[in-house]
PDB file of N, CA and C in Angstrom:
ATOM      1  N   UNK A   1       2.857  49.551  22.016  1.00  0.00           N
ATOM      2  CA  UNK A   1       2.401  48.136  22.091  1.00  0.00           C
ATOM      3  C   UNK A   1       3.060  47.408  23.032  1.00  0.00           C
ATOM      4  N   UNK A   2       2.090  46.375  23.337  1.00  0.00           N
ATOM      5  CA  UNK A   2       2.374  45.467  24.256  1.00  0.00           C
ATOM      6  C   UNK A   2       3.279  43.991  24.480  1.00  0.00           C
ATOM      7  N   UNK A   3       4.779  44.409  23.151  1.00  0.00           N
ATOM      8  CA  UNK A   3       5.149  44.050  22.499  1.00  0.00           C
ATOM      9  C   UNK A   3       5.093  42.663  21.831  1.00  0.00           C
ATOM     10  N   UNK A   4       3.403  42.812  21.365  1.00  0.00           N
ATOM     11  CA  UNK A   4       3.066  41.951  20.075  1.00  0.00           C
ATOM     12  C   UNK A   4       4.368  42.683  18.762  1.00  0.00           C
ATOM     13  N   UNK A   5       3.692  41.388  17.865  1.00  0.00           N
ATOM     14  CA  UNK A   5       4.836  41.536  17.079  1.00  0.00           C
ATOM     15  C   UNK A   5       3.917  42.328  15.763  1.00  0.00           C
ATOM     16  N   UNK A   6       4.323  43.371  15.167  1.00  0.00           N
ATOM     17  CA  UNK A   6       2.971  44.854  14.455  1.00  0.00           C
ATOM     18  C   UNK A   6       2.662  43.358  13.346  1.00  0.00           C
ATOM     19  N   UNK A   7       1.304  43.883  13.006  1.00  0.00           N
ATOM     20  CA  UNK A   7       0.415  43.026  11.453  1.00  0.00           C
ATOM     21  C   UNK A   7       1.736  42.639  10.510  1.00  0.00           C
ATOM     22  N   UNK A   8       2.233  43.644   9.445  1.00  0.00           N
ATOM     23  CA  UNK A   8       2.983  43.483   9.175  1.00  0.00           C
ATOM     24  C   UNK A   8       4.802  42.722   8.764  1.00  0.00           C
ATOM     25  N   UNK A   9       4.857  42.253  10.391  1.00  0.00           N
ATOM     26  CA  UNK A   9       6.370  41.579  10.486  1.00  0.00           C
ATOM     27  C   UNK A   9       5.791  40.441  10.049  1.00  0.00           C
ATOM     28  N   UNK A  10       7.554  39.960   9.332  1.00  0.00           N
ATOM     29  CA  UNK A  10       7.669  38.121   8.646  1.00  0.00           C
ATOM     30  C   UNK A  10       7.308  37.345   9.349  1.00  0.00           C
ATOM     31  N   UNK A  11       6.637  36.786   8.953  1.00  0.00           N
ATOM     32  CA  UNK A  11       6.290  35.061  10.178  1.00  0.00           C
ATOM     33  C   UNK A  11       8.092  35.002   9.843  1.00  0.00           C
ATOM     34  N   UNK A  12       8.141  34.048  10.749  1.00  0.00           N
ATOM     35  CA  UNK A  12       9.500  33.599  11.390  1.00  0.00           C
ATOM     36  C   UNK A  12       9.660  32.464  10.455  1.00  0.00           C
ATOM     37  N   UNK A  13      11.108  31.572   9.455  1.00  0.00           N
ATOM     38  CA  UNK A  13      11.447  30.737   8.265  1.00  0.00           C
ATOM     39  C   UNK A  13      12.300  29.652   9.378  1.00  0.00           C
ATOM     40  N   UNK A  14      11.402  28.268   9.009  1.00  0.00           N
ATOM     41  CA  UNK A  14      12.000  27.044   8.787  1.00  0.00           C
ATOM     42  C   UNK A  14      11.777  27.009   7.790  1.00  0.00           C
ATOM     43  N   UNK A  15      12.391  25.063   7.708  1.00  0.00           N
ATOM     44  CA  UNK A  15      13.046  24.862   7.214  1.00  0.00           C
ATOM     45  C   UNK A  15      12.049  23.473   7.176  1.00  0.00           C
ATOM     46  N   UNK A  16      11.367  22.996   5.568  1.00  0.00           N
ATOM     47  CA  UNK A  16      10.715  21.588   5.895  1.00  0.00           C
ATOM     48  C   UNK A  16      11.521  20.739   4.749  1.00  0.00           C
ATOM     49  N   UNK A  17      11.722  19.264   4.933  1.00  0.00           N
ATOM     50  CA  UNK A  17      13.035  18.761   4.769  1.00  0.00           C
ATOM     51  C   UNK A  17      11.612  17.382   4.347  1.00  0.00           C
ATOM     52  N   UNK A  18      11.413  17.059   3.263  1.00  0.00           N
ATOM     53  CA  UNK A  18      11.064  16.081   2.928  1.00  0.00           C
ATOM     54  C   UNK A  18      11.869  14.918   1.512  1.00  0.00           C
ATOM     55  N   UNK A  19      11.321  13.476   1.259  1.00  0.00           N
ATOM     56  CA  UNK A  19      12.142  13.352   0.888  1.00  0.00           C
ATOM     57  C   UNK A  19      11.216  12.486  -0.359  1.00  0.00           C
ATOM     58  N   UNK A  20      11.298  11.747  -1.274  1.00  0.00           N
ATOM     59  CA  UNK A  20      10.176  10.916  -2.353  1.00  0.00           C
ATOM     60  C   UNK A  20      11.365  10.399  -2.357  1.00  0.00           C
ATOM     61  N   UNK A  21      10.018   9.772  -3.661  1.00  0.00           N
ATOM     62  CA  UNK A  21      11.160   8.266  -3.813  1.00  0.00           C
ATOM     63  C   UNK A  21      10.181   7.456  -5.009  1.00  0.00           C
ATOM     64  N   UNK A  22      10.190   8.095  -6.903  1.00  0.00           N
ATOM     65  CA  UNK A  22       9.476   7.309  -8.032  1.00  0.00           C
ATOM     66  C   UNK A  22      10.002   6.143  -8.098  1.00  0.00           C
ATOM     67  N   UNK A  23       9.081   4.894  -8.346  1.00  0.00           N
ATOM     68  CA  UNK A  23      10.008   3.844  -8.460  1.00  0.00           C
ATOM     69  C   UNK A  23      10.246   2.552  -7.741  1.00  0.00           C
ATOM     70  N   UNK A  24      10.657   1.729  -7.325  1.00  0.00           N
ATOM     71  CA  UNK A  24      10.494   0.111  -6.832  1.00  0.00           C
ATOM     72  C   UNK A  24      11.943   0.793  -5.692  1.00  0.00           C
ATOM     73  N   UNK A  25      11.500   0.729  -4.544  1.00  0.00           N
ATOM     74  CA  UNK A  25      12.521   1.706  -3.421  1.00  0.00           C
ATOM     75  C   UNK A  25      11.725   0.459  -2.384  1.00  0.00           C
ATOM     76  N   UNK A  26      12.830  -1.044  -1.901  1.00  0.00           N
ATOM     77  CA  UNK A  26      12.956  -1.033  -0.446  1.00  0.00           C
ATOM     78  C   UNK A  26      13.108  -0.900   0.360  1.00  0.00           C
ATOM     79  N   UNK A  27      13.457   0.725   0.182  1.00  0.00           N
ATOM     80  CA  UNK A  27      14.556   1.433   1.720  1.00  0.00           C
ATOM     81  C   UNK A  27      13.360   2.295   1.377  1.00  0.00           C
ATOM     82  N   UNK A  28      12.964   1.805   3.335  1.00  0.00           N
ATOM     83  CA  UNK A  28      11.932   3.253   3.668  1.00  0.00           C
ATOM     84  C   UNK A  28      12.368   4.379   3.512  1.00  0.00           C
ATOM     85  N   UNK A  29      11.908   5.572   3.078  1.00  0.00           N
ATOM     86  CA  UNK A  29      11.809   6.978   2.729  1.00  0.00           C
ATOM     87  C   UNK A  29      12.041   7.380   4.346  1.00  0.00           C
ATOM     88  N   UNK A  30      12.664   8.334   4.646  1.00  0.00           N
ATOM     89  CA  UNK A  30      13.257   9.454   5.683  1.00  0.00           C
ATOM     90  C   UNK A  30      11.928  10.078   6.221  1.00  0.00           C
ATOM     91  N   UNK A  31      11.713   9.684   7.701  1.00  0.00           N
ATOM     92  CA  UNK A  31      10.518  10.449   8.016  1.00  0.00           C
ATOM     93  C   UNK A  31      11.242  12.461   7.843  1.00  0.00           C
ATOM     94  N   UNK A  32      10.151  13.007   7.679  1.00  0.00           N
ATOM     95  CA  UNK A  32      10.360  14.076   6.786  1.00  0.00           C
ATOM     96  C   UNK A  32      11.101  15.088   8.879  1.00  0.00           C
ATOM     97  N   UNK A  33      11.623  16.074   8.313  1.00  0.00           N
ATOM     98  CA  UNK A  33      11.844  17.473   9.565  1.00  0.00           C
ATOM     99  C   UNK A  33      11.176  18.499   8.944  1.00  0.00           C
ATOM    100  N   UNK A  34      11.008  19.346   9.763  1.00  0.00           N
ATOM    101  CA  UNK A  34      11.098  20.560   9.977  1.00  0.00           C
ATOM    102  C   UNK A  34      12.625  21.278  11.215  1.00  0.00           C
ATOM    103  N   UNK A  35      13.271  22.504  10.723  1.00  0.00           N
ATOM    104  CA  UNK A  35      14.328  22.642  11.552  1.00  0.00           C
ATOM    105  C   UNK A  35      14.140  24.282  11.465  1.00  0.00           C
ATOM    106  N   UNK A  36      14.771  25.466  11.844  1.00  0.00           N
ATOM    107  CA  UNK A  36      14.298  26.692  12.364  1.00  0.00           C
ATOM    108  C   UNK A  36      15.538  26.692  11.036  1.00  0.00           C
ATOM    109  N   UNK A  37      16.651  26.430  10.652  1.00  0.00           N
ATOM    110  CA  UNK A  37      17.635  26.870  10.395  1.00  0.00           C
ATOM    111  C   UNK A  37      17.979  25.990   8.843  1.00  0.00           C
ATOM    112  N   UNK A  38      18.620  26.475   7.760  1.00  0.00           N
ATOM    113  CA  UNK A  38      19.250  26.216   6.610  1.00  0.00           C
ATOM    114  C   UNK A  38      20.550  25.112   6.827  1.00  0.00           C
ATOM    115  N   UNK A  39      21.498  24.942   7.876  1.00  0.00           N
ATOM    116  CA  UNK A  39      22.107  23.639   8.303  1.00  0.00           C
ATOM    117  C   UNK A  39      22.198  22.274   8.419  1.00  0.00           C
ATOM    118  N   UNK A  40      20.850  22.479   9.123  1.00  0.00           N
ATOM    119  CA  UNK A  40      20.334  20.850   9.556  1.00  0.00           C
ATOM    120  C   UNK A  40      19.934  21.180   8.672  1.00  0.00           C
ATOM    121  N   UNK A  41      18.326  21.479   7.823  1.00  0.00           N
ATOM    122  CA  UNK A  41      18.036  20.974   6.594  1.00  0.00           C
ATOM    123  C   UNK A  41      19.085  20.295   5.149  1.00  0.00           C
ATOM    124  N   UNK A  42      20.275  21.174   5.211  1.00  0.00           N
ATOM    125  CA  UNK A  42      21.113  20.245   4.078  1.00  0.00           C
ATOM    126  C   UNK A  42      21.824  19.302   4.727  1.00  0.00           C
ATOM    127  N   UNK A  43      22.389  18.949   6.016  1.00  0.00           N
ATOM    128  CA  UNK A  43      22.807  17.915   6.867  1.00  0.00           C
ATOM    129  C   UNK A  43      22.245  16.576   7.129  1.00  0.00           C
ATOM    130  N   UNK A  44      20.492  17.440   7.184  1.00  0.00           N
ATOM    131  CA  UNK A  44      19.188  16.145   6.755  1.00  0.00           C
ATOM    132  C   UNK A  44      19.398  15.069   5.439  1.00  0.00           C
ATOM    133  N   UNK A  45      19.282  16.099   4.382  1.00  0.00           N
ATOM    134  CA  UNK A  45      19.887  15.485   3.573  1.00  0.00           C
ATOM    135  C   UNK A  45      20.970  14.254   2.483  1.00  0.00           C
ATOM    136  N   UNK A  46      21.791  15.402   3.249  1.00  0.00           N
ATOM    137  CA  UNK A  46      23.189  14.717   3.759  1.00  0.00           C
ATOM    138  C   UNK A  46      23.249  13.405   4.054  1.00  0.00           C
ATOM    139  N   UNK A  47      22.925  13.315   5.204  1.00  0.00           N
ATOM    140  CA  UNK A  47      22.427  12.084   6.244  1.00  0.00           C
ATOM    141  C   UNK A  47      21.943  10.851   5.358  1.00  0.00           C
ATOM    142  N   UNK A  48      20.247  11.366   5.118  1.00  0.00           N
ATOM    143  CA  UNK A  48      19.472  10.527   4.099  1.00  0.00           C
ATOM    144  C   UNK A  48      20.672   9.676   2.635  1.00  0.00           C
ATOM    145  N   UNK A  49      21.469  10.739   2.416  1.00  0.00           N
ATOM    146  CA  UNK A  49      21.825   9.918   1.034  1.00  0.00           C
ATOM    147  C   UNK A  49      22.916   9.453   1.751  1.00  0.00           C
ATOM    148  N   UNK A  50      23.502   9.378   2.296  1.00  0.00           N
ATOM    149  CA  UNK A  50      24.664   8.588   2.947  1.00  0.00           C
ATOM    150  C   UNK A  50      24.004   7.574   3.836  1.00  0.00           C
ATOM    151  N   UNK A  51      22.864   7.755   4.098  1.00  0.00           N
ATOM    152  CA  UNK A  51      21.952   6.049   4.847  1.00  0.00           C
ATOM    153  C   UNK A  51      21.973   5.515   3.865  1.00  0.00           C
ATOM    154  N   UNK A  52      21.575   5.887   2.499  1.00  0.00           N
ATOM    155  CA  UNK A  52      21.027   5.361   1.578  1.00  0.00           C
ATOM    156  C   UNK A  52      22.291   4.602   0.659  1.00  0.00           C
ATOM    157  N   UNK A  53      23.506   5.035   0.702  1.00  0.00           N
ATOM    158  CA  UNK A  53      24.511   4.605  -0.489  1.00  0.00           C
ATOM    159  C   UNK A  53      25.178   2.777   0.058  1.00  0.00           C
ATOM    160  N   UNK A  54      25.148   2.576   1.408  1.00  0.00           N
ATOM    161  CA  UNK A  54      25.154   0.543   1.314  1.00  0.00           C
ATOM    162  C   UNK A  54      24.302   0.725  -0.093  1.00  0.00           C
ATOM    163  N   UNK A  55      23.326   0.906  -0.264  1.00  0.00           N
ATOM    164  CA  UNK A  55      22.021  -0.575  -0.624  1.00  0.00           C
ATOM    165  C   UNK A  55      21.498   0.493  -2.332  1.00  0.00           C
ATOM    166  N   UNK A  56      22.761   0.819  -2.853  1.00  0.00           N
ATOM    167  CA  UNK A  56      23.155   1.398  -4.176  1.00  0.00           C
ATOM    168  C   UNK A  56      23.466   0.662  -5.413  1.00  0.00           C
ATOM    169  N   UNK A  57      23.208   0.274  -6.290  1.00  0.00           N
ATOM    170  CA  UNK A  57      24.593  -0.022  -7.584  1.00  0.00           C
ATOM    171  C   UNK A  57      25.738   0.482  -7.509  1.00  0.00           C
ATOM    172  N   UNK A  58      26.503   0.079  -8.314  1.00  0.00           N
ATOM    173  CA  UNK A  58      27.771   1.113  -8.156  1.00  0.00           C
ATOM    174  C   UNK A  58      27.974   1.981  -8.603  1.00  0.00           C
ATOM    175  N   UNK A  59      27.237   2.625  -9.628  1.00  0.00           N
ATOM    176  CA  UNK A  59      27.643   3.651 -10.505  1.00  0.00           C
ATOM    177  C   UNK A  59      26.751   4.800  -9.632  1.00  0.00           C
ATOM    178  N   UNK A  60      25.205   4.244  -9.245  1.00  0.00           N
ATOM    179  CA  UNK A  60      24.583   5.712  -8.191  1.00  0.00           C
ATOM    180  C   UNK A  60      25.340   5.335  -7.143  1.00  0.00           C
ATOM    181  N   UNK A  61      25.902   4.812  -6.338  1.00  0.00           N
ATOM    182  CA  UNK A  61      26.736   4.622  -5.009  1.00  0.00           C
ATOM    183  C   UNK A  61      27.457   5.994  -5.393  1.00  0.00           C
ATOM    184  N   UNK A  62      28.518   5.815  -6.561  1.00  0.00           N
ATOM    185  CA  UNK A  62      29.286   6.634  -6.715  1.00  0.00           C
ATOM    186  C   UNK A  62      29.473   8.095  -6.877  1.00  0.00           C
ATOM    187  N   UNK A  63      28.486   8.197  -7.844  1.00  0.00           N
ATOM    188  CA  UNK A  63      27.075   9.806  -7.929  1.00  0.00           C
ATOM    189  C   UNK A  63      27.357   9.969  -6.759  1.00  0.00           C
ATOM    190  N   UNK A  64      26.219   9.936  -5.727  1.00  0.00           N
ATOM    191  CA  UNK A  64      26.514  10.234  -4.609  1.00  0.00           C
ATOM    192  C   UNK A  64      27.385  10.584  -3.544  1.00  0.00           C
ATOM    193  N   UNK A  65      28.527   9.376  -3.866  1.00  0.00           N
ATOM    194  CA  UNK A  65      29.698   9.930  -2.972  1.00  0.00           C
ATOM    195  C   UNK A  65      30.695  10.876  -3.688  1.00  0.00           C
ATOM    196  N   UNK A  66      30.014  11.119  -4.873  1.00  0.00           N
ATOM    197  CA  UNK A  66      31.108  12.618  -4.938  1.00  0.00           C
ATOM    198  C   UNK A  66      30.503  13.524  -4.387  1.00  0.00           C
ATOM    199  N   UNK A  67      28.511  13.633  -4.680  1.00  0.00           N
ATOM    200  CA  UNK A  67      28.138  15.032  -4.229  1.00  0.00           C
ATOM    201  C   UNK A  67      28.076  14.912  -2.573  1.00  0.00           C
ATOM    202  N   UNK A  68      28.108  14.233  -2.259  1.00  0.00           N
ATOM    203  CA  UNK A  68      28.683  13.882  -0.301  1.00  0.00           C
ATOM    204  C   UNK A  68      30.003  14.577  -0.011  1.00  0.00           C
ATOM    205  N   UNK A  69      30.571  14.437  -1.071  1.00  0.00           N
ATOM    206  CA  UNK A  69      32.066  15.034  -0.670  1.00  0.00           C
ATOM    207  C   UNK A  69      32.538  15.995  -1.666  1.00  0.00           C
ATOM    208  N   UNK A  70      30.750  17.101  -2.534  1.00  0.00           N
ATOM    209  CA  UNK A  70      31.483  18.348  -2.465  1.00  0.00           C
ATOM    210  C   UNK A  70      30.590  19.964  -1.662  1.00  0.00           C
ATOM    211  N   UNK A  71      32.039  20.064  -0.310  1.00  0.00           N
ATOM    212  CA  UNK A  71      31.169  20.509   0.202  1.00  0.00           C
ATOM    213  C   UNK A  71      31.058  21.992   0.396  1.00  0.00           C
ATOM    214  N   UNK A  72      31.631  22.069  -1.225  1.00  0.00           N
ATOM    215  CA  UNK A  72      31.529  23.550  -1.625  1.00  0.00           C
ATOM    216  C   UNK A  72      30.098  23.799  -1.787  1.00  0.00           C
ATOM    217  N   UNK A  73      29.555  22.392  -2.336  1.00  0.00           N
ATOM    218  CA  UNK A  73      28.198  22.247  -2.986  1.00  0.00           C
ATOM    219  C   UNK A  73      27.216  22.631  -1.723  1.00  0.00           C
ATOM    220  N   UNK A  74      27.359  21.797  -1.093  1.00  0.00           N
ATOM    221  CA  UNK A  74      27.057  21.821   0.458  1.00  0.00           C
ATOM    222  C   UNK A  74      27.021  23.517   1.231  1.00  0.00           C
ATOM    223  N   UNK A  75      27.392  24.353   1.090  1.00  0.00           N
ATOM    224  CA  UNK A  75      27.420  25.644   1.257  1.00  0.00           C
ATOM    225  C   UNK A  75      26.643  26.220   0.585  1.00  0.00           C
ATOM    226  N   UNK A  76      26.877  26.198  -1.054  1.00  0.00           N
ATOM    227  CA  UNK A  76      25.758  26.805  -2.060  1.00  0.00           C
ATOM    228  C   UNK A  76      24.452  26.304  -1.561  1.00  0.00           C
ATOM    229  N   UNK A  77      24.284  25.040  -1.018  1.00  0.00           N
ATOM    230  CA  UNK A  77      23.062  24.547  -0.719  1.00  0.00           C
ATOM    231  C   UNK A  77      22.338  25.727   0.464  1.00  0.00           C
ATOM    232  N   UNK A  78      22.977  25.975   1.065  1.00  0.00           N
ATOM    233  CA  UNK A  78      22.762  26.704   2.580  1.00  0.00           C
ATOM    234  C   UNK A  78      21.873  27.997   2.337  1.00  0.00           C
ATOM    235  N   UNK A  79      23.098  28.492   1.119  1.00  0.00           N
ATOM    236  CA  UNK A  79      23.201  30.036   1.044  1.00  0.00           C
ATOM    237  C   UNK A  79      21.694  30.032  -0.156  1.00  0.00           C
ATOM    238  N   UNK A  80      21.493  29.179  -0.502  1.00  0.00           N
ATOM    239  CA  UNK A  80      20.370  29.186  -1.176  1.00  0.00           C
ATOM    240  C   UNK A  80      18.920  28.972  -0.218  1.00  0.00           C
ATOM    241  N   UNK A  81      18.838  28.443   0.434  1.00  0.00           N
ATOM    242  CA  UNK A  81      17.675  28.160   1.237  1.00  0.00           C
ATOM    243  C   UNK A  81      17.734  29.556   2.215  1.00  0.00           C
ATOM    244  N   UNK A  82      18.526  30.465   2.826  1.00  0.00           N
ATOM    245  CA  UNK A  82      18.670  31.683   2.982  1.00  0.00           C
ATOM    246  C   UNK A  82      18.394  32.703   2.293  1.00  0.00           C
ATOM    247  N   UNK A  83      19.095  32.205   0.832  1.00  0.00           N
ATOM    248  CA  UNK A  83      18.006  33.705   0.450  1.00  0.00           C
ATOM    249  C   UNK A  83      16.794  33.206  -0.121  1.00  0.00           C
ATOM    250  N   UNK A  84      15.697  31.891   0.863  1.00  0.00           N
ATOM    251  CA  UNK A  84      14.190  31.853   0.647  1.00  0.00           C
ATOM    252  C   UNK A  84      13.765  31.246  -0.570  1.00  0.00           C
ATOM    253  N   UNK A  85      14.934  30.332  -1.119  1.00  0.00           N
ATOM    254  CA  UNK A  85      14.279  29.254  -2.240  1.00  0.00           C
ATOM    255  C   UNK A  85      14.540  27.539  -2.014  1.00  0.00           C
ATOM    256  N   UNK A  86      13.952  26.970  -2.307  1.00  0.00           N
ATOM    257  CA  UNK A  86      13.425  25.074  -1.973  1.00  0.00           C
ATOM    258  C   UNK A  86      15.257  25.293  -3.144  1.00  0.00           C
ATOM    259  N   UNK A  87      15.304  24.077  -1.663  1.00  0.00           N
ATOM    260  CA  UNK A  87      16.945  22.804  -1.976  1.00  0.00           C
ATOM    261  C   UNK A  87      16.446  21.492  -2.630  1.00  0.00           C
ATOM    262  N   UNK A  88      17.494  20.903  -4.164  1.00  0.00           N
ATOM    263  CA  UNK A  88      17.196  19.796  -4.165  1.00  0.00           C
ATOM    264  C   UNK A  88      18.344  18.938  -4.370  1.00  0.00           C
ATOM    265  N   UNK A  89      17.956  17.398  -3.981  1.00  0.00           N
ATOM    266  CA  UNK A  89      19.046  16.657  -5.213  1.00  0.00           C
ATOM    267  C   UNK A  89      18.387  15.263  -4.549  1.00  0.00           C
ATOM    268  N   UNK A  90      18.418  14.971  -6.654  1.00  0.00           N
ATOM    269  CA  UNK A  90      17.781  14.207  -7.123  1.00  0.00           C
ATOM    270  C   UNK A  90      18.871  13.492  -7.267  1.00  0.00           C
ATOM    271  N   UNK A  91      19.065  12.089  -7.267  1.00  0.00           N
ATOM    272  CA  UNK A  91      19.787  10.418  -7.209  1.00  0.00           C
ATOM    273  C   UNK A  91      19.423   9.760  -8.075  1.00  0.00           C
ATOM    274  N   UNK A  92      19.225   9.178  -9.576  1.00  0.00           N
ATOM    275  CA  UNK A  92      18.408   7.711  -9.941  1.00  0.00           C
ATOM    276  C   UNK A  92      19.235   6.708  -9.674  1.00  0.00           C
ATOM    277  N   UNK A  93      18.300   6.089  -9.616  1.00  0.00           N
ATOM    278  CA  UNK A  93      19.559   4.582  -9.256  1.00  0.00           C
ATOM    279  C   UNK A  93      18.486   3.281 -10.211  1.00  0.00           C
ATOM    280  N   UNK A  94      19.531   2.315  -9.977  1.00  0.00           N
ATOM    281  CA  UNK A  94      18.462   1.274 -11.335  1.00  0.00           C
ATOM    282  C   UNK A  94      16.841   0.607 -10.290  1.00  0.00           C
ATOM    283  N   UNK A  95      16.283   1.203  -9.606  1.00  0.00           N
ATOM    284  CA  UNK A  95      15.201   1.237  -9.761  1.00  0.00           C
ATOM    285  C   UNK A  95      13.814   1.923  -9.002  1.00  0.00           C
ATOM    286  N   UNK A  96      14.714   3.438  -8.683  1.00  0.00           N
ATOM    287  CA  UNK A  96      14.045   4.569  -8.973  1.00  0.00           C
ATOM    288  C   UNK A  96      14.922   5.062  -8.692  1.00  0.00           C
ATOM    289  N   UNK A  97      13.975   7.043  -8.485  1.00  0.00           N
ATOM    290  CA  UNK A  97      14.461   7.929  -8.441  1.00  0.00           C
ATOM    291  C   UNK A  97      14.818   8.724  -7.021  1.00  0.00           C
ATOM    292  N   UNK A  98      15.438   8.763  -6.512  1.00  0.00           N
ATOM    293  CA  UNK A  98      15.031   9.967  -4.629  1.00  0.00           C
ATOM    294  C   UNK A  98      15.297  11.104  -4.991  1.00  0.00           C
ATOM    295  N   UNK A  99      14.327  11.485  -4.345  1.00  0.00           N
ATOM    296  CA  UNK A  99      14.642  13.316  -4.614  1.00  0.00           C
ATOM    297  C   UNK A  99      14.365  13.539  -3.301  1.00  0.00           C
ATOM    298  N   UNK A 100      15.207  14.526  -2.839  1.00  0.00           N
ATOM    299  CA  UNK A 100      15.284  15.421  -1.351  1.00  0.00           C
ATOM    300  C   UNK A 100      15.541  17.142  -1.612  1.00  0.00           C
ATOM    301  N   UNK A 101      14.217  17.610  -0.712  1.00  0.00           N
ATOM    302  CA  UNK A 101      13.996  18.857  -0.879  1.00  0.00           C
ATOM    303  C   UNK A 101      13.680  19.280   0.166  1.00  0.00           C
ATOM    304  N   UNK A 102      14.529  20.773   0.672  1.00  0.00           N
ATOM    305  CA  UNK A 102      14.743  21.292   2.118  1.00  0.00           C
ATOM    306  C   UNK A 102      13.422  22.739   1.265  1.00  0.00           C
ATOM    307  N   UNK A 103      12.417  23.130   1.934  1.00  0.00           N
ATOM    308  CA  UNK A 103      11.775  24.116   1.324  1.00  0.00           C
ATOM    309  C   UNK A 103      11.545  25.059   2.528  1.00  0.00           C
ATOM    310  N   UNK A 104      11.962  26.165   1.568  1.00  0.00           N
ATOM    311  CA  UNK A 104      11.850  26.999   2.936  1.00  0.00           C
ATOM    312  C   UNK A 104      10.145  27.260   3.495  1.00  0.00           C
ATOM    313  N   UNK A 105      10.064  27.392   4.399  1.00  0.00           N
ATOM    314  CA  UNK A 105       8.333  28.150   4.863  1.00  0.00           C
ATOM    315  C   UNK A 105       8.276  29.428   6.055  1.00  0.00           C
ATOM    316  N   UNK A 106       7.090  29.832   6.051  1.00  0.00           N
ATOM    317  CA  UNK A 106       6.995  30.415   7.486  1.00  0.00           C
ATOM    318  C   UNK A 106       6.535  29.768   8.189  1.00  0.00           C
ATOM    319  N   UNK A 107       6.647  30.142   9.466  1.00  0.00           N
ATOM    320  CA  UNK A 107       5.869  29.313  10.618  1.00  0.00           C
ATOM    321  C   UNK A 107       4.792  30.717  11.563  1.00  0.00           C
ATOM    322  N   UNK A 108       4.409  30.047  12.107  1.00  0.00           N
ATOM    323  CA  UNK A 108       3.465  30.787  13.002  1.00  0.00           C
ATOM    324  C   UNK A 108       4.027  30.355  14.313  1.00  0.00           C
ATOM    325  N   UNK A 109       4.562  31.790  15.269  1.00  0.00           N
ATOM    326  CA  UNK A 109       4.852  31.624  16.364  1.00  0.00           C
ATOM    327  C   UNK A 109       4.151  30.593  17.302  1.00  0.00           C
ATOM    328  N   UNK A 110       3.920  29.917  18.393  1.00  0.00           N
ATOM    329  CA  UNK A 110       3.661  29.499  19.830  1.00  0.00           C
ATOM    330  C   UNK A 110       2.712  30.298  20.345  1.00  0.00           C
ATOM    331  N   UNK A 111       1.498  30.422  20.688  1.00  0.00           N
ATOM    332  CA  UNK A 111       0.833  31.469  20.953  1.00  0.00           C
ATOM    333  C   UNK A 111       1.531  31.302  22.724  1.00  0.00           C
ATOM    334  N   UNK A 112       1.033  32.694  22.791  1.00  0.00           N
ATOM    335  CA  UNK A 112       1.841  32.976  24.941  1.00  0.00           C
ATOM    336  C   UNK A 112       1.516  32.167  25.213  1.00  0.00           C
ATOM    337  N   UNK A 113       2.297  30.872  26.846  1.00  0.00           N
ATOM    338  CA  UNK A 113       1.051  30.402  27.267  1.00  0.00           C
ATOM    339  C   UNK A 113      -0.259  30.370  27.569  1.00  0.00           C
ATOM    340  N   UNK A 114      -0.349  32.024  28.711  1.00  0.00           N
ATOM    341  CA  UNK A 114      -1.126  32.219  29.395  1.00  0.00           C
ATOM    342  C   UNK A 114      -3.082  31.850  28.757  1.00  0.00           C
ATOM    343  N   UNK A 115      -2.661  32.253  26.892  1.00  0.00           N
ATOM    344  CA  UNK A 115      -3.795  31.312  26.144  1.00  0.00           C
ATOM    345  C   UNK A 115      -3.949  30.073  25.708  1.00  0.00           C
ATOM    346  N   UNK A 116      -3.535  29.276  26.567  1.00  0.00           N
ATOM    347  CA  UNK A 116      -2.690  28.101  25.974  1.00  0.00           C
ATOM    348  C   UNK A 116      -4.575  26.951  26.159  1.00  0.00           C
ATOM    349  N   UNK A 117      -5.495  26.538  26.362  1.00  0.00           N
ATOM    350  CA  UNK A 117      -6.362  25.511  27.097  1.00  0.00           C
ATOM    351  C   UNK A 117      -6.072  24.539  28.250  1.00  0.00           C
ATOM    352  N   UNK A 118      -6.956  24.998  28.735  1.00  0.00           N
ATOM    353  CA  UNK A 118      -6.475  23.664  29.779  1.00  0.00           C
ATOM    354  C   UNK A 118      -7.224  22.611  29.632  1.00  0.00           C
ATOM    355  N   UNK A 119      -8.305  22.362  29.469  1.00  0.00           N
ATOM    356  CA  UNK A 119      -8.951  21.469  29.381  1.00  0.00           C
ATOM    357  C   UNK A 119      -9.861  21.999  28.204  1.00  0.00           C
ATOM    358  N   UNK A 120     -10.437  19.939  28.458  1.00  0.00           N
ATOM    359  CA  UNK A 120     -10.873  19.830  26.648  1.00  0.00           C
ATOM    360  C   UNK A 120     -10.398  20.099  25.899  1.00  0.00           C
ATOM    361  N   UNK A 121      -9.672  20.022  25.554  1.00  0.00           N
ATOM    362  CA  UNK A 121      -8.638  19.717  24.308  1.00  0.00           C
ATOM    363  C   UNK A 121      -9.295  18.472  23.444  1.00  0.00           C
ATOM    364  N   UNK A 122      -9.194  19.155  22.069  1.00  0.00           N
ATOM    365  CA  UNK A 122      -9.887  18.353  20.787  1.00  0.00           C
ATOM    366  C   UNK A 122      -8.199  17.660  20.612  1.00  0.00           C
ATOM    367  N   UNK A 123      -8.578  16.585  20.754  1.00  0.00           N
ATOM    368  CA  UNK A 123      -7.235  15.269  19.846  1.00  0.00           C
ATOM    369  C   UNK A 123      -7.615  14.402  18.300  1.00  0.00           C
ATOM    370  N   UNK A 124      -6.409  14.748  18.093  1.00  0.00           N
ATOM    371  CA  UNK A 124      -6.020  13.398  16.804  1.00  0.00           C
ATOM    372  C   UNK A 124      -5.045  13.000  16.682  1.00  0.00           C
ATOM    373  N   UNK A 125      -5.875  11.277  16.853  1.00  0.00           N
ATOM    374  CA  UNK A 125      -5.222  10.648  16.610  1.00  0.00           C
ATOM    375  C   UNK A 125      -5.150  10.032  15.505  1.00  0.00           C
ATOM    376  N   UNK A 126      -3.791   9.338  14.868  1.00  0.00           N
ATOM    377  CA  UNK A 126      -3.790   8.474  13.484  1.00  0.00           C
ATOM    378  C   UNK A 126      -4.203   7.075  13.801  1.00  0.00           C
TER     379      UNK A 126
END
């Protein structure tokens, strides 16, 4: 073999992190994240929740901080992702329902450098 993976080799796993909000939210939704380990995926969720807490009503603030203080729960979230299952945290506020989710996804490895085109690249602009 030439060092390439066989046809039946599973694709490497990554973790796609995404936030949604249903309702009226004056705050921007955090940008998505793609990471190669479950720890940073859970950290992204926790940091996104922590960022939102100063803007929450009293009840939602206390529920968010109780969840943030549950370090055993964070470890369980990492283990859930390692088992290939998605993990989500939801927080209801007086104005909206926030949902942060980390999904295990398979990713294609980048092609070898000697196969990359060097000219006439097609580009997409937003």
